[in-house]
Protein backbone atom coordinates (compact mmCIF):
# COMPACT_ATOMS: atom_id res chain seq x y z
CA MET A 1 -79.04 -3.61 15.17
CA ILE A 2 -75.98 -5.52 16.22
CA THR A 3 -74.10 -7.41 13.59
CA THR A 4 -71.74 -10.16 14.39
CA ASN A 5 -68.68 -10.95 12.36
CA ASN A 6 -67.56 -14.51 12.81
CA SER A 7 -64.32 -14.03 10.91
CA ILE A 8 -61.26 -13.23 12.97
CA PRO A 9 -58.78 -10.94 11.26
CA GLU A 10 -55.39 -12.46 10.62
CA PRO A 11 -52.44 -10.88 12.41
CA PRO A 12 -49.97 -9.11 10.17
CA SER A 13 -47.00 -11.18 9.07
CA PRO A 14 -43.69 -10.47 10.87
CA SER A 15 -42.20 -9.00 7.71
CA ALA A 16 -45.09 -6.58 7.41
CA LYS A 17 -44.53 -5.13 10.86
CA ASN A 18 -42.56 -1.95 11.08
CA ARG A 19 -40.10 -2.74 13.83
CA GLY A 20 -38.10 0.43 13.39
CA GLY A 21 -34.32 0.59 13.39
CA ARG A 22 -32.10 -0.10 10.44
CA PRO A 23 -33.10 -2.61 7.80
CA LYS A 24 -31.56 -6.05 8.26
CA LYS A 25 -28.33 -6.51 6.36
CA ASP A 26 -27.03 -10.04 5.91
CA LEU A 27 -23.33 -10.41 5.21
CA THR A 28 -22.28 -12.91 2.55
CA PRO A 29 -19.56 -15.49 3.19
CA GLU A 30 -17.30 -13.53 0.84
CA GLN A 31 -17.84 -10.35 2.86
CA LYS A 32 -17.02 -12.24 6.05
CA VAL A 33 -13.71 -13.40 4.56
CA ILE A 34 -12.87 -9.80 3.69
CA ILE A 35 -13.83 -8.70 7.20
CA GLU A 36 -11.44 -11.26 8.67
CA ARG A 37 -8.66 -10.05 6.36
CA MET A 38 -9.34 -6.45 7.34
CA ALA A 39 -9.21 -7.34 11.03
CA ARG A 40 -5.94 -9.24 10.51
CA GLN A 41 -4.44 -6.06 9.06
CA GLY A 42 -5.38 -4.14 12.23
CA ILE A 43 -8.32 -2.19 10.83
CA SER A 44 -10.61 -1.30 13.74
CA GLN A 45 -14.05 -2.83 14.12
CA LYS A 46 -15.53 0.67 13.98
CA VAL A 47 -14.00 1.30 10.54
CA ILE A 48 -14.97 -2.17 9.24
CA ALA A 49 -18.55 -1.59 10.39
CA ARG A 50 -18.59 1.78 8.66
CA VAL A 51 -17.45 0.21 5.39
CA TYR A 52 -20.35 -2.27 5.51
CA GLU A 53 -22.79 0.36 6.84
CA ILE A 54 -23.60 -1.59 9.98
CA ASP A 55 -23.27 -0.88 13.69
CA PRO A 56 -20.06 -2.18 15.35
CA LYS A 57 -22.26 -4.24 17.71
CA THR A 58 -23.89 -5.89 14.69
CA LEU A 59 -20.45 -6.62 13.26
CA ARG A 60 -19.37 -8.29 16.52
CA LYS A 61 -22.62 -10.24 16.67
CA HIS A 62 -22.55 -11.59 13.12
CA CYS A 63 -18.77 -11.86 12.61
CA ALA A 64 -17.56 -12.92 16.05
CA ARG A 65 -15.83 -16.01 14.63
CA GLU A 66 -14.06 -14.02 11.91
CA LEU A 67 -12.88 -11.35 14.34
CA ALA A 68 -11.61 -13.96 16.82
CA ASN A 69 -9.88 -15.92 14.02
CA ALA A 70 -8.11 -12.77 12.89
CA ASN A 71 -6.52 -12.28 16.33
CA LEU A 72 -5.70 -15.97 16.65
CA CYS A 73 -4.06 -16.11 13.20
CA ASN A 74 -2.01 -12.99 13.93
CA ASN A 75 -0.75 -14.48 17.19
CA LEU A 76 0.07 -17.73 15.42
CA ASP A 77 2.06 -15.87 12.73
CA VAL A 78 4.10 -14.10 15.39
CA LEU A 79 4.76 -17.31 17.30
CA GLU A 80 5.85 -19.11 14.12
CA THR A 81 8.23 -16.27 13.28
CA LEU A 82 9.64 -16.23 16.81
CA PHE A 83 10.04 -20.01 16.80
CA ALA A 84 11.86 -19.92 13.46
CA LYS A 85 14.26 -17.29 14.78
CA ALA A 86 14.73 -19.06 18.12
CA THR A 87 15.65 -22.34 16.43
CA SER A 88 17.89 -20.86 13.76
CA ALA A 89 20.88 -20.39 16.13
CA ARG A 90 21.32 -16.91 14.65
CA HIS A 91 19.06 -15.03 17.05
CA VAL A 92 20.23 -15.75 20.57
CA SER A 93 17.81 -13.26 22.14
CA ALA A 94 14.86 -15.00 20.46
CA THR A 95 16.11 -18.35 21.74
CA ILE A 96 16.44 -17.00 25.30
CA TYR A 97 12.99 -15.42 25.15
CA TRP A 98 11.45 -18.66 23.85
CA VAL A 99 13.04 -20.74 26.60
CA LYS A 100 12.03 -18.29 29.35
CA THR A 101 8.43 -17.99 28.18
CA ARG A 102 7.64 -21.35 26.64
CA CYS A 103 9.82 -23.69 28.69
CA ARG A 104 9.32 -22.13 32.12
CA HIS A 105 8.23 -25.43 33.64
CA LEU A 106 11.51 -27.08 32.63
CA LEU A 107 13.52 -24.27 34.21
CA ASP A 108 11.45 -24.41 37.39
CA ASP A 109 11.91 -28.20 37.65
CA ALA A 110 15.66 -27.90 37.16
CA ALA A 111 15.97 -25.20 39.79
CA GLY A 112 13.95 -27.24 42.30
CA ALA A 113 16.10 -30.34 41.80
CA LYS A 114 19.29 -28.62 43.09
């Protein structure tokens, strides 16, 4: 005797599936601020990832903005310090460096006009 079952079983929900790998770990906004501060201090991504028990690739994926901002802010701090020294008239070498690197187009125009 053949029995027919008209009900179709429902597929398991995505959360019920065992996808393997590590469990998902969401980082809070507060943790992301700390990650940016750590990166600004020169702590490697590998060490930061270890602290939060995530893979470095996961860190780069979920905190790309924070890691990029850390480098940008560090560069900005250095440029501000260099600019302050270059414009203080006390650090001639900083002034010369600033002019050679940041005002190159002015020097090239002046040399071409001769």
